Protein backbone atom coordinates (compact mmCIF):
# COMPACT_ATOMS: atom_id res chain seq x y z
CA MET A 1 -7.99 -12.39 10.04
CA ARG A 2 -6.26 -9.62 8.14
CA LEU A 3 -7.80 -8.70 4.80
CA GLN A 4 -5.32 -6.54 2.94
CA LEU A 5 -6.11 -4.35 -0.05
CA SER A 6 -3.64 -2.36 -2.06
CA ARG A 7 -4.03 1.39 -1.57
CA GLY A 8 -1.87 2.15 -4.60
CA ALA A 9 0.77 0.00 -6.22
CA LEU A 10 2.97 3.05 -6.74
CA ALA A 11 3.08 4.27 -3.15
CA LEU A 12 6.86 4.17 -3.38
CA VAL A 13 6.79 6.63 -6.28
CA VAL A 14 4.41 8.94 -4.46
CA ALA A 15 6.79 8.91 -1.51
CA ALA A 16 9.49 10.35 -3.73
CA ALA A 17 7.59 13.63 -3.89
CA SER A 18 5.96 13.68 -0.45
CA VAL A 19 8.27 12.17 2.18
CA ALA A 20 8.60 15.54 3.92
CA HIS A 21 8.45 19.26 3.26
CA ALA A 22 11.72 21.18 3.45
CA GLU A 23 9.76 24.23 4.63
CA PRO A 24 6.62 24.61 6.79
CA PRO A 25 3.52 23.60 4.79
CA PRO A 26 0.20 25.46 5.08
CA ASP A 27 -2.17 24.52 7.85
CA GLU A 28 -4.54 21.91 6.46
CA VAL A 29 -7.36 19.54 7.35
CA SER A 30 -8.88 16.92 5.06
CA GLY A 31 -11.36 14.08 5.05
CA THR A 32 -11.49 11.15 2.64
CA LEU A 33 -13.92 8.30 2.02
CA ARG A 34 -12.85 5.29 -0.05
CA VAL A 35 -15.09 2.38 -1.02
CA TYR A 36 -13.97 -0.92 -2.58
CA ALA A 37 -16.51 -3.49 -3.79
CA ASP A 38 -15.79 -6.58 -5.88
CA ASP A 39 -17.55 -9.55 -7.42
CA ASP A 40 -16.27 -11.85 -4.64
CA HIS A 41 -18.66 -10.38 -2.05
CA LEU A 42 -15.98 -8.23 -0.46
CA THR A 43 -16.72 -4.61 0.48
CA VAL A 44 -14.35 -2.26 2.27
CA VAL A 45 -15.42 1.22 3.42
CA SER A 46 -12.46 3.36 4.51
CA PRO A 47 -13.04 6.83 5.99
CA SER A 48 -9.94 8.78 6.99
CA ALA A 49 -8.96 12.23 8.22
CA HIS A 50 -5.73 14.23 8.14
CA GLY A 51 -4.69 17.46 9.82
CA GLN A 52 -1.47 19.44 9.95
CA VAL A 53 -0.48 22.71 11.58
CA ALA A 54 2.83 24.55 11.78
CA ALA A 55 4.01 27.49 13.87
CA ALA A 56 7.48 29.01 13.66
CA ARG A 57 9.79 26.02 13.13
CA LEU A 58 7.59 23.26 14.55
CA GLY A 59 4.78 21.34 12.87
CA VAL A 60 2.41 18.56 13.91
CA ASP A 61 0.40 16.24 11.66
CA VAL A 62 -2.27 13.72 12.69
CA ASP A 63 -3.88 10.92 10.67
CA VAL A 64 -6.83 8.67 11.56
CA ALA A 65 -8.28 5.92 9.34
CA VAL A 66 -10.83 3.11 9.64
CA ASP A 67 -11.37 0.09 7.39
CA ALA A 68 -14.81 -1.51 7.74
CA VAL A 69 -14.75 -4.90 5.99
CA SER A 70 -17.71 -7.05 4.99
CA ALA A 71 -16.77 -10.31 3.29
CA ALA A 72 -18.21 -13.64 2.21
CA SER A 73 -15.48 -14.34 -0.34
CA VAL A 74 -13.63 -17.48 -1.36
CA ASP A 75 -10.76 -16.31 0.84
CA VAL A 76 -12.99 -16.18 3.92
CA MET A 77 -15.23 -19.17 3.31
CA THR A 78 -12.24 -21.50 2.81
CA SER A 79 -10.08 -20.22 5.65
CA ALA A 80 -11.09 -18.27 8.73
CA SER A 81 -14.82 -18.83 8.90
CA PRO A 82 -17.57 -20.87 7.24
CA ARG A 83 -19.78 -17.75 7.39
CA ALA A 84 -19.58 -14.20 6.18
CA VAL A 85 -17.54 -11.89 8.39
CA THR A 86 -17.41 -8.24 9.30
CA GLU A 87 -14.25 -6.63 10.59
CA ARG A 88 -12.92 -3.23 11.49
CA ARG A 89 -9.38 -1.91 11.47
CA VAL A 90 -8.51 1.36 13.21
CA GLU A 91 -5.30 3.24 12.46
CA ALA A 92 -3.84 6.40 13.99
CA GLY A 93 -0.64 8.26 13.18
CA LEU A 94 1.21 11.24 14.66
CA GLY A 95 4.15 13.17 13.27
CA VAL A 96 6.27 16.04 14.58
CA THR A 97 8.44 18.07 12.18
CA THR A 98 11.05 20.70 12.86
CA TRP A 99 12.91 22.96 10.45
CA PRO A 100 16.34 23.54 12.02
CA ARG A 101 17.37 25.78 9.13
CA ASP A 102 16.05 26.99 5.81
CA ARG A 103 15.41 24.26 3.25
CA ALA A 104 15.90 21.40 5.72
CA ALA A 105 13.46 19.38 7.83
CA LEU A 106 13.51 16.61 10.42
CA ARG A 107 10.41 14.55 11.16
CA LEU A 108 9.61 11.86 13.74
CA GLY A 109 6.48 9.80 13.24
CA ALA A 110 4.58 6.93 14.83
CA LEU A 111 1.63 4.83 13.70
CA VAL A 112 -0.51 2.19 15.40
CA SER A 113 -3.15 -0.07 13.86
CA HIS A 114 -5.55 -2.45 15.59
CA GLU A 115 -7.80 -5.30 14.45
CA HIS A 116 -9.33 -7.96 16.64
CA ASP A 117 -6.51 -10.36 15.69
CA TYR A 118 -3.76 -8.12 14.28
CA ASP A 119 -1.83 -5.19 15.78
CA VAL A 120 0.79 -3.00 14.11
CA VAL A 121 3.26 -0.45 15.51
CA ARG A 122 5.44 1.71 13.26
CA GLY A 123 8.05 4.35 14.03
CA ASP A 124 10.00 6.42 11.53
CA ALA A 125 12.47 9.29 11.22
CA THR A 126 12.92 11.41 8.09
CA ALA A 127 15.50 14.01 7.09
CA THR A 128 14.85 16.25 4.07
CA VAL A 129 17.02 18.88 2.43
CA GLU A 130 16.70 21.12 -0.64
CA LEU A 131 19.78 21.81 -2.74
CA ALA A 132 20.85 23.54 -5.96
CA GLN A 133 18.72 26.62 -5.46
CA ARG A 134 15.78 24.43 -4.43
CA ASN A 135 15.84 22.50 -7.71
CA THR A 136 16.80 19.24 -5.95
CA THR A 137 15.11 17.67 -2.91
CA LEU A 138 16.71 14.70 -1.12
CA ALA A 139 15.12 12.70 1.69
CA LEU A 140 16.17 9.76 3.84
CA ARG A 141 13.64 7.86 5.96
CA GLY A 142 14.27 4.99 8.38
CA GLN A 143 11.43 2.88 9.75
CA LEU A 144 11.02 0.26 12.47
CA GLU A 145 8.06 -2.14 12.46
CA LEU A 146 6.40 -4.57 14.86
CA ASP A 147 3.42 -6.76 13.89
CA ARG A 148 1.57 -9.11 16.23
CA ALA A 149 -1.00 -11.64 15.00
CA THR A 150 -3.39 -13.80 17.02
CA ALA A 151 -6.03 -16.30 15.90
CA VAL A 152 -9.76 -16.54 16.49
CA GLY A 153 -10.45 -19.90 18.12
CA ASP A 154 -6.83 -20.51 19.15
CA PRO A 155 -5.91 -18.49 22.27
CA MET A 156 -2.44 -20.07 22.33
CA PHE A 157 -1.35 -18.75 18.93
CA VAL A 158 0.82 -15.62 18.71
CA GLY A 159 2.81 -14.68 15.64
CA GLU A 160 5.19 -11.72 15.75
CA ARG A 161 7.22 -10.03 13.07
CA ARG A 162 9.88 -7.37 13.48
CA GLY A 163 11.45 -5.41 10.71
CA GLY A 164 12.66 -2.14 9.33
CA GLY A 165 13.34 -0.26 6.16
CA LEU A 166 15.36 2.49 4.59
CA LEU A 167 13.83 4.75 1.93
CA VAL A 168 15.90 7.17 -0.15
CA THR A 169 14.11 9.62 -2.43
CA ALA A 170 15.19 12.38 -4.80
CA THR A 171 13.09 14.95 -6.64
CA GLN A 172 14.71 16.95 -9.43
CA LEU A 173 13.39 19.94 -11.34
CA ILE A 174 14.50 19.23 -14.92
CA ASP A 175 13.13 22.42 -16.43
CA ARG A 176 10.24 24.76 -15.73
CA ARG A 177 7.77 22.14 -17.02
CA THR A 178 9.32 18.82 -15.94
CA ILE A 179 9.92 17.15 -12.57
CA ALA A 180 11.51 13.71 -12.02
CA ASP A 181 11.25 11.55 -8.88
CA LEU A 182 13.42 8.60 -7.91
CA ALA A 183 12.90 6.31 -4.90
CA VAL A 184 14.78 3.27 -3.60
CA ASP A 185 13.36 1.24 -0.72
CA ALA A 186 15.19 -1.58 1.12
CA ARG A 187 13.37 -3.68 3.75
CA LEU A 188 14.07 -6.53 6.13
CA ALA A 189 11.50 -8.47 8.18
CA ASP A 190 12.00 -11.38 10.55
CA GLY A 191 9.30 -13.52 12.16
CA TRP A 192 5.77 -14.64 11.31
CA HIS A 193 4.78 -13.88 7.71
CA GLY A 194 1.78 -16.13 7.21
CA SER A 195 -1.82 -16.45 8.33
CA PRO A 196 -3.00 -18.78 11.11
CA TYR A 197 -6.12 -19.48 9.04
CA ARG A 198 -4.48 -20.65 5.80
CA THR A 199 -3.74 -24.33 5.28
CA VAL A 200 -2.52 -26.46 2.39
CA LEU A 201 -4.01 -29.76 1.23
CA VAL A 202 -1.72 -32.76 0.81
CA HIS A 203 -2.78 -36.03 -0.80
CA ALA A 204 -1.40 -39.17 0.87
CA LEU A 205 -0.08 -41.64 -1.71
CA ASP A 206 -1.04 -44.74 0.29
CA GLN A 207 -4.70 -43.76 0.85
CA PRO A 208 -7.43 -41.77 -0.92
CA THR A 209 -7.49 -38.99 1.66
CA PHE A 210 -6.23 -35.43 2.04
CA THR A 211 -4.67 -33.87 5.11
CA ARG A 212 -4.49 -30.18 5.99
CA TRP A 213 -1.24 -28.56 7.09
CA PRO A 214 -0.68 -24.97 8.22
CA GLU A 215 1.25 -22.85 5.77
CA ALA A 216 4.97 -22.33 6.46
CA THR A 217 7.06 -19.54 4.97
CA PRO A 218 10.67 -18.43 5.55
CA ALA A 219 11.20 -16.48 8.75
CA VAL A 220 13.28 -13.77 7.07
CA ARG A 221 12.30 -11.67 4.07
CA ARG A 222 14.61 -9.16 2.42
CA ALA A 223 13.18 -6.90 -0.27
CA LEU A 224 14.36 -4.13 -2.56
CA ALA A 225 12.20 -1.83 -4.69
CA ALA A 226 13.03 1.08 -6.98
CA ALA A 227 10.69 3.49 -8.72
CA VAL A 228 10.89 6.46 -11.04
CA ARG A 229 8.27 9.02 -12.06
CA VAL A 230 8.34 11.88 -14.56
CA ARG A 231 5.74 14.68 -14.49
CA ARG A 232 5.45 17.28 -17.24
CA ALA A 233 3.21 20.22 -18.07
CA ILE A 234 2.07 20.04 -21.70
CA GLY A 235 0.86 23.30 -23.14
CA GLU A 236 -1.25 25.51 -20.91
CA ARG A 237 -3.89 23.00 -19.81
CA TRP A 238 -2.42 19.49 -19.76
CA VAL A 239 -0.24 17.70 -17.21
CA GLY A 240 1.05 14.19 -17.84
CA ALA A 241 2.96 11.68 -15.73
CA ALA A 242 4.53 8.25 -16.21
CA SER A 243 5.80 5.92 -13.49
CA ALA A 244 7.60 2.59 -13.30
CA ARG A 245 8.44 0.42 -10.31
CA GLY A 246 10.39 -2.81 -9.90
CA TYR A 247 10.47 -5.12 -6.87
CA LEU A 248 12.42 -8.24 -5.88
CA ASP A 249 13.03 -10.20 -2.70
CA ASP A 250 14.87 -13.27 -1.47
CA TRP A 251 11.70 -15.36 -1.75
CA ASP A 252 12.33 -15.12 -5.52
CA LEU A 253 9.28 -12.93 -5.97
CA HIS A 254 9.60 -10.28 -8.68
CA SER A 255 7.10 -7.68 -9.82
CA ALA A 256 6.80 -4.69 -12.14
CA THR A 257 4.31 -1.83 -12.13
CA ALA A 258 3.69 0.85 -14.77
CA THR A 259 1.38 3.87 -14.50
CA VAL A 260 0.44 6.64 -16.92
CA GLU A 261 -1.83 9.57 -16.16
CA ALA A 262 -3.08 12.75 -17.80
CA ARG A 263 -4.99 15.70 -16.37
CA ARG A 264 -6.57 18.68 -18.10
CA ALA A 265 -7.42 22.04 -16.59
CA LEU A 266 -11.03 23.06 -17.16
CA ALA A 267 -13.00 26.25 -16.63
CA GLY A 268 -13.88 27.26 -13.09
CA ASP A 269 -10.62 26.10 -11.49
CA ALA A 270 -11.41 22.46 -12.18
CA ARG A 271 -9.35 19.52 -13.48
CA LEU A 272 -10.27 16.21 -15.04
CA GLY A 273 -7.89 13.31 -15.48
CA VAL A 274 -7.46 9.60 -16.08
CA VAL A 275 -5.00 7.18 -14.48
CA ALA A 276 -4.13 3.75 -15.91
CA ARG A 277 -2.02 1.22 -14.01
CA GLY A 278 -0.76 -2.29 -14.76
CA TYR A 279 0.94 -4.80 -12.46
CA LEU A 280 2.60 -8.18 -13.07
CA GLN A 281 4.42 -10.59 -10.76
CA ASP A 282 5.79 -14.11 -10.82
CA GLY A 283 5.50 -16.48 -7.87
CA ALA A 284 7.60 -17.10 -4.78
CA SER A 285 9.98 -20.04 -5.07
CA PHE A 286 7.89 -22.18 -2.68
CA TRP A 287 4.49 -21.31 -4.18
CA ARG A 288 2.55 -24.33 -5.46
CA ARG A 289 -1.10 -24.37 -6.48
CA ARG A 290 -1.08 -28.03 -5.49
CA GLN A 291 1.35 -29.52 -3.03
CA PRO A 292 3.28 -32.65 -4.11
CA ASP A 293 1.61 -35.93 -3.16
CA GLY A 294 3.10 -37.66 -0.16
CA ALA A 295 2.71 -38.31 3.52
CA THR A 296 3.95 -34.83 4.47
CA PRO A 297 4.17 -31.51 2.61
CA PRO A 298 7.39 -29.63 1.76
CA ALA A 299 9.04 -27.70 4.58
CA LEU A 300 7.96 -24.40 2.93
CA ARG A 301 4.37 -24.21 1.69
CA THR A 302 1.62 -21.65 1.25
CA ALA A 303 -1.92 -21.25 -0.01
CA ASP A 304 -1.62 -17.45 -0.27
CA ARG A 305 -2.47 -16.76 -3.89
CA THR A 306 -0.96 -13.26 -3.66
CA LEU A 307 2.42 -15.03 -3.47
CA GLY A 308 1.73 -16.79 -6.77
CA PRO A 309 1.76 -15.49 -10.34
CA MET A 310 -0.73 -12.66 -10.72
CA ALA A 311 -1.54 -9.55 -12.74
CA SER A 312 -3.79 -6.55 -12.30
CA ALA A 313 -5.05 -3.62 -14.34
CA GLN A 314 -6.77 -0.47 -13.13
CA VAL A 315 -8.30 2.57 -14.81
CA GLU A 316 -9.47 5.52 -12.74
CA LEU A 317 -11.24 8.76 -13.68
CA VAL A 318 -10.31 11.66 -11.37
CA GLY A 319 -12.02 15.04 -11.05
CA GLU A 320 -10.81 17.99 -8.99
CA ARG A 321 -12.35 21.39 -8.25
CA ARG A 322 -11.69 24.25 -5.87
CA LEU A 323 -14.67 25.67 -3.99
CA GLY A 324 -13.56 28.71 -2.05
CA ALA A 325 -11.03 27.58 0.54
CA ALA A 326 -11.83 23.91 -0.07
CA ARG A 327 -10.51 21.52 -2.69
CA LEU A 328 -12.78 18.63 -3.73
CA VAL A 329 -11.40 15.48 -5.37
CA ALA A 330 -13.61 12.63 -6.62
CA ALA A 331 -12.49 9.43 -8.37
CA VAL A 332 -14.14 6.29 -9.70
CA GLY A 333 -12.29 3.34 -11.16
CA GLY A 334 -12.39 -0.25 -12.25
CA LEU A 335 -9.88 -2.85 -11.06
CA GLY A 336 -9.20 -6.34 -12.39
CA LEU A 337 -7.08 -8.95 -10.58
CA TRP A 338 -6.01 -12.17 -12.28
CA TYR A 339 -4.49 -14.98 -10.22
CA LEU A 340 -2.70 -16.95 -12.90
CA ASP A 341 -2.22 -20.19 -10.97
CA ALA A 342 -5.10 -20.28 -8.48
CA ALA A 343 -7.93 -22.80 -8.72
CA ALA A 344 -10.51 -21.44 -6.27
CA GLN A 345 -10.81 -18.11 -8.04
CA SER A 346 -8.71 -16.99 -11.00
CA ARG A 347 -10.24 -13.52 -11.46
CA ARG A 348 -11.59 -10.71 -9.32
CA LEU A 349 -13.28 -7.54 -10.63
CA ALA A 350 -13.83 -4.48 -8.44
CA ILE A 351 -15.10 -0.92 -8.46
CA THR A 352 -13.33 1.74 -6.41
CA THR A 353 -14.63 5.19 -5.48
CA THR A 354 -12.94 8.01 -3.59
CA LEU A 355 -14.22 11.36 -2.31
CA SER A 356 -11.86 13.79 -0.58
CA VAL A 357 -12.28 17.36 0.72
CA THR A 358 -9.31 19.49 1.85
CA TRP A 359 -9.29 22.90 3.55
CA ALA A 360 -5.98 24.81 3.68
CA ARG A 361 -4.89 28.27 4.76
């Protein structure tokens, strides 16, 4: 069973500023610990590590992450298992970057992820160039994806999904205090999109009974997302940022995300900031909280509440301080999720914490 948690609704915006460096970055190693805990008995502990090193015109970066999941939630108790579960996901990534000339970079990357019933393979290539006296940075990234799902208790089940995407980003220096980022992401996926553990209930009209049917979604999903972010220094101590993202796909799912943040420089090379984020989506065209009565369900059907109408709000307090050669970042936040057309659970409240240490030279 794959339990997915959002690691940031504005990842597309972040990519606009960090797809690749157009010049060798400093050697760096970092470690991060993230913890998610909600009122639905779901806890996720996610340690990760990152390292990068560059020599001459060649650089290598390595990422390793683990998600340790403990759950006894409504999602689990009504689908994969009648008991609480513990799971672990392990992810590893490797990238190689070359700088064939000044202000240009080429990067090849690969990522693999493993759970006991879900495996992921990703490959990507990125080209980055700086223009207009380094005031403009453009990047183009292509990605290929392969997902493979199995099912506990059903050795015959295998669900595969293949796909790819194209991400175009631009970062523009507006003036000495203002930077703007723009990102457009197009994706296509073909294959298995559901969960082998989710079923839908259908009431038979001719008898007082319910039957369970496995969910069925379209085999192909095409999606397009666009995001913009503006960052500005305000006075000598403040930095502010505002982001917006829109998403749509051919399942008739639409969403919008907005983020605002402010950070203030403090004494002792420290910073303190706050980030507020809101998210809203409608439902896929085939989403139904309750399937129509009848002997059989519709051809397309799902019990995945994340495909239905939902909203979320998050506020996070972020502190940063430099200690010698190390940079320490700590964050604590509150997250609310509202499933607007779900009966089993219409609300989920969570606390998130993050601690990260980075050494660079």
